[in-house]
Amino acid sequence: MKMRLDGTCLECGDPLARHAGDTRRSDTSFCCEACRKTFNNRRAMRGAELYDLYMAHRFDRRVATDLGVMQAINRLASVYRQEDQRSRNGRRSWRKPKAVLQERPYLKAISTSYRAGR
């Protein structure tokens, strides 16, 4: 079987080797199912904290400002990055923004509203 390398696993950092006839998608970012699950479980755990804080920042601005929510969000990001430095040899634990935005083009859509009257 012919083998080619396509980058590195987002979780463990090992090279992604593909064999002829490999059934994995060509755009996969993980060397195995265990790495994919570990990566996504970490994101889910971290995301839950950030989600609550960001939603308060966005929709309950006065309370969020009084509590310093944006500072807490930034502090959490720094803590997560320090964890990555220690336990992941500095590999990032987030997907590239371009990939996320390409999967969800509506996030960049321009929303306009027109109000008639006054």
C-alpha atoms as a PDB file:
ATOM      1  CA  MET A   1       0.000   0.000   0.000  1.00  0.00           C
ATOM      2  CA  LYS A   2       1.220   3.440  -0.871  1.00  0.00           C
ATOM      3  CA  MET A   3       1.384   5.897   2.045  1.00  0.00           C
ATOM      4  CA  ARG A   4       1.379   9.690   2.072  1.00  0.00           C
ATOM      5  CA  LEU A   5       1.586  12.244   4.910  1.00  0.00           C
ATOM      6  CA  ASP A   6      -1.030  14.947   5.312  1.00  0.00           C
ATOM      7  CA  GLY A   7      -0.040  17.154   8.263  1.00  0.00           C
ATOM      8  CA  THR A   8      -0.220  16.236  11.910  1.00  0.00           C
ATOM      9  CA  CYS A   9      -2.931  15.103  14.299  1.00  0.00           C
ATOM     10  CA  LEU A  10      -4.464  18.067  16.164  1.00  0.00           C
ATOM     11  CA  GLU A  11      -4.430  16.087  19.404  1.00  0.00           C
ATOM     12  CA  CYS A  12      -1.239  14.039  19.647  1.00  0.00           C
ATOM     13  CA  GLY A  13       0.875  15.777  17.007  1.00  0.00           C
ATOM     14  CA  ASP A  14       1.754  12.550  15.195  1.00  0.00           C
ATOM     15  CA  PRO A  15       1.936  12.650  11.400  1.00  0.00           C
ATOM     16  CA  LEU A  16      -1.285  11.817   9.615  1.00  0.00           C
ATOM     17  CA  ALA A  17      -0.442   8.887   7.388  1.00  0.00           C
ATOM     18  CA  ARG A  18      -2.950   7.754   4.805  1.00  0.00           C
ATOM     19  CA  HIS A  19      -2.867   4.430   3.037  1.00  0.00           C
ATOM     20  CA  ALA A  20      -4.360   3.654  -0.323  1.00  0.00           C
ATOM     21  CA  GLY A  21      -7.941   2.616   0.291  1.00  0.00           C
ATOM     22  CA  ASP A  22      -8.093   4.435   3.652  1.00  0.00           C
ATOM     23  CA  THR A  23     -11.743   5.070   4.509  1.00  0.00           C
ATOM     24  CA  ARG A  24     -11.102   8.226   6.569  1.00  0.00           C
ATOM     25  CA  ARG A  25     -12.142  11.511   5.014  1.00  0.00           C
ATOM     26  CA  SER A  26      -9.320  13.275   3.251  1.00  0.00           C
ATOM     27  CA  ASP A  27      -9.840  16.414   5.357  1.00  0.00           C
ATOM     28  CA  THR A  28      -9.643  14.678   8.729  1.00  0.00           C
ATOM     29  CA  SER A  29      -7.380  16.254  11.331  1.00  0.00           C
ATOM     30  CA  PHE A  30      -6.899  13.300  13.672  1.00  0.00           C
ATOM     31  CA  CYS A  31      -4.904  10.103  13.499  1.00  0.00           C
ATOM     32  CA  CYS A  32      -7.553   8.035  15.287  1.00  0.00           C
ATOM     33  CA  GLU A  33     -10.960   8.130  16.899  1.00  0.00           C
ATOM     34  CA  ALA A  34      -9.496   8.409  20.422  1.00  0.00           C
ATOM     35  CA  CYS A  35      -7.585  11.592  19.496  1.00  0.00           C
ATOM     36  CA  ARG A  36     -10.683  13.108  17.885  1.00  0.00           C
ATOM     37  CA  LYS A  37     -12.765  12.400  20.990  1.00  0.00           C
ATOM     38  CA  THR A  38     -10.133  13.739  23.392  1.00  0.00           C
ATOM     39  CA  PHE A  39      -9.731  16.948  21.368  1.00  0.00           C
ATOM     40  CA  ASN A  40     -13.471  17.563  21.093  1.00  0.00           C
ATOM     41  CA  ASN A  41     -14.185  16.675  24.734  1.00  0.00           C
ATOM     42  CA  ARG A  42     -11.602  19.254  25.867  1.00  0.00           C
ATOM     43  CA  ARG A  43     -13.200  21.874  23.615  1.00  0.00           C
ATOM     44  CA  ALA A  44     -16.665  21.035  24.940  1.00  0.00           C
ATOM     45  CA  MET A  45     -15.583  21.320  28.576  1.00  0.00           C
ATOM     46  CA  ARG A  46     -13.805  24.602  27.999  1.00  0.00           C
ATOM     47  CA  GLY A  47     -16.532  25.925  25.752  1.00  0.00           C
ATOM     48  CA  ALA A  48     -19.251  25.499  28.348  1.00  0.00           C
ATOM     49  CA  GLU A  49     -17.551  28.007  30.660  1.00  0.00           C
ATOM     50  CA  LEU A  50     -16.848  30.452  27.856  1.00  0.00           C
ATOM     51  CA  TYR A  51     -20.381  30.119  26.486  1.00  0.00           C
ATOM     52  CA  ASP A  52     -22.007  31.169  29.761  1.00  0.00           C
ATOM     53  CA  LEU A  53     -19.675  34.120  30.214  1.00  0.00           C
ATOM     54  CA  TYR A  54     -19.934  35.317  26.628  1.00  0.00           C
ATOM     55  CA  MET A  55     -23.741  35.098  26.553  1.00  0.00           C
ATOM     56  CA  ALA A  56     -23.868  37.236  29.708  1.00  0.00           C
ATOM     57  CA  HIS A  57     -21.465  39.693  28.085  1.00  0.00           C
ATOM     58  CA  ARG A  58     -23.588  39.875  24.948  1.00  0.00           C
ATOM     59  CA  PHE A  59     -27.101  39.945  26.398  1.00  0.00           C
ATOM     60  CA  ASP A  60     -26.762  41.138  30.002  1.00  0.00           C
ATOM     61  CA  ARG A  61     -24.097  43.752  29.398  1.00  0.00           C
ATOM     62  CA  ARG A  62     -24.593  45.837  32.553  1.00  0.00           C
ATOM     63  CA  VAL A  63     -24.205  42.885  34.930  1.00  0.00           C
ATOM     64  CA  ALA A  64     -21.359  41.442  32.864  1.00  0.00           C
ATOM     65  CA  THR A  65     -19.496  44.744  32.921  1.00  0.00           C
ATOM     66  CA  ASP A  66     -19.950  45.096  36.681  1.00  0.00           C
ATOM     67  CA  LEU A  67     -18.584  41.559  37.168  1.00  0.00           C
ATOM     68  CA  GLY A  68     -15.663  41.976  34.750  1.00  0.00           C
ATOM     69  CA  VAL A  69     -16.814  39.161  32.483  1.00  0.00           C
ATOM     70  CA  MET A  70     -14.555  40.044  29.529  1.00  0.00           C
ATOM     71  CA  GLN A  71     -11.554  40.027  31.850  1.00  0.00           C
ATOM     72  CA  ALA A  72     -12.640  36.592  33.097  1.00  0.00           C
ATOM     73  CA  ILE A  73     -13.006  35.334  29.496  1.00  0.00           C
ATOM     74  CA  ASN A  74      -9.497  36.527  28.668  1.00  0.00           C
ATOM     75  CA  ARG A  75      -8.132  35.002  31.858  1.00  0.00           C
ATOM     76  CA  LEU A  76      -9.747  31.652  31.006  1.00  0.00           C
ATOM     77  CA  ALA A  77      -8.166  31.756  27.549  1.00  0.00           C
ATOM     78  CA  SER A  78      -4.764  32.375  29.149  1.00  0.00           C
ATOM     79  CA  VAL A  79      -5.269  29.507  31.595  1.00  0.00           C
ATOM     80  CA  TYR A  80      -6.249  27.195  28.726  1.00  0.00           C
ATOM     81  CA  ARG A  81      -3.174  28.235  26.734  1.00  0.00           C
ATOM     82  CA  GLN A  82      -0.925  27.561  29.757  1.00  0.00           C
ATOM     83  CA  GLU A  83      -2.487  24.097  30.069  1.00  0.00           C
ATOM     84  CA  ASP A  84      -1.723  23.527  26.379  1.00  0.00           C
ATOM     85  CA  GLN A  85       1.874  24.617  26.892  1.00  0.00           C
ATOM     86  CA  ARG A  86       2.299  22.127  29.747  1.00  0.00           C
ATOM     87  CA  SER A  87       0.331  19.114  28.587  1.00  0.00           C
ATOM     88  CA  ARG A  88       0.296  19.417  24.790  1.00  0.00           C
ATOM     89  CA  ASN A  89       3.862  20.560  24.106  1.00  0.00           C
ATOM     90  CA  GLY A  90       2.524  23.938  23.034  1.00  0.00           C
ATOM     91  CA  ARG A  91       0.170  22.589  20.349  1.00  0.00           C
ATOM     92  CA  ARG A  92      -2.947  24.708  20.088  1.00  0.00           C
ATOM     93  CA  SER A  93      -6.217  23.240  21.286  1.00  0.00           C
ATOM     94  CA  TRP A  94      -8.480  25.166  18.946  1.00  0.00           C
ATOM     95  CA  ARG A  95      -9.349  24.903  15.305  1.00  0.00           C
ATOM     96  CA  LYS A  96      -8.281  27.562  12.846  1.00  0.00           C
ATOM     97  CA  PRO A  97     -10.874  30.340  12.541  1.00  0.00           C
ATOM     98  CA  LYS A  98     -10.863  30.070   8.758  1.00  0.00           C
ATOM     99  CA  ALA A  99     -12.003  26.435   8.962  1.00  0.00           C
ATOM    100  CA  VAL A 100     -14.814  27.285  11.391  1.00  0.00           C
ATOM    101  CA  LEU A 101     -16.030  30.202   9.272  1.00  0.00           C
ATOM    102  CA  GLN A 102     -15.906  28.114   6.090  1.00  0.00           C
ATOM    103  CA  GLU A 103     -18.127  25.490   7.741  1.00  0.00           C
ATOM    104  CA  ARG A 104     -20.586  28.153   8.900  1.00  0.00           C
ATOM    105  CA  PRO A 105     -20.743  30.933   6.294  1.00  0.00           C
ATOM    106  CA  TYR A 106     -23.775  32.497   7.986  1.00  0.00           C
ATOM    107  CA  LEU A 107     -21.441  33.738  10.732  1.00  0.00           C
ATOM    108  CA  LYS A 108     -19.965  36.245   8.291  1.00  0.00           C
ATOM    109  CA  ALA A 109     -23.251  37.152   6.624  1.00  0.00           C
ATOM    110  CA  ILE A 110     -24.175  40.798   6.764  1.00  0.00           C
ATOM    111  CA  SER A 111     -27.450  41.294   8.532  1.00  0.00           C
ATOM    112  CA  THR A 112     -29.425  44.396   7.721  1.00  0.00           C
ATOM    113  CA  SER A 113     -32.739  45.533   8.966  1.00  0.00           C
ATOM    114  CA  TYR A 114     -34.955  48.228   7.626  1.00  0.00           C
ATOM    115  CA  ARG A 115     -37.423  49.953   9.854  1.00  0.00           C
ATOM    116  CA  ALA A 116     -40.130  51.966   8.222  1.00  0.00           C
ATOM    117  CA  GLY A 117     -41.521  54.962   9.940  1.00  0.00           C
ATOM    118  CA  ARG A 118     -40.105  57.681  12.099  1.00  0.00           C
END
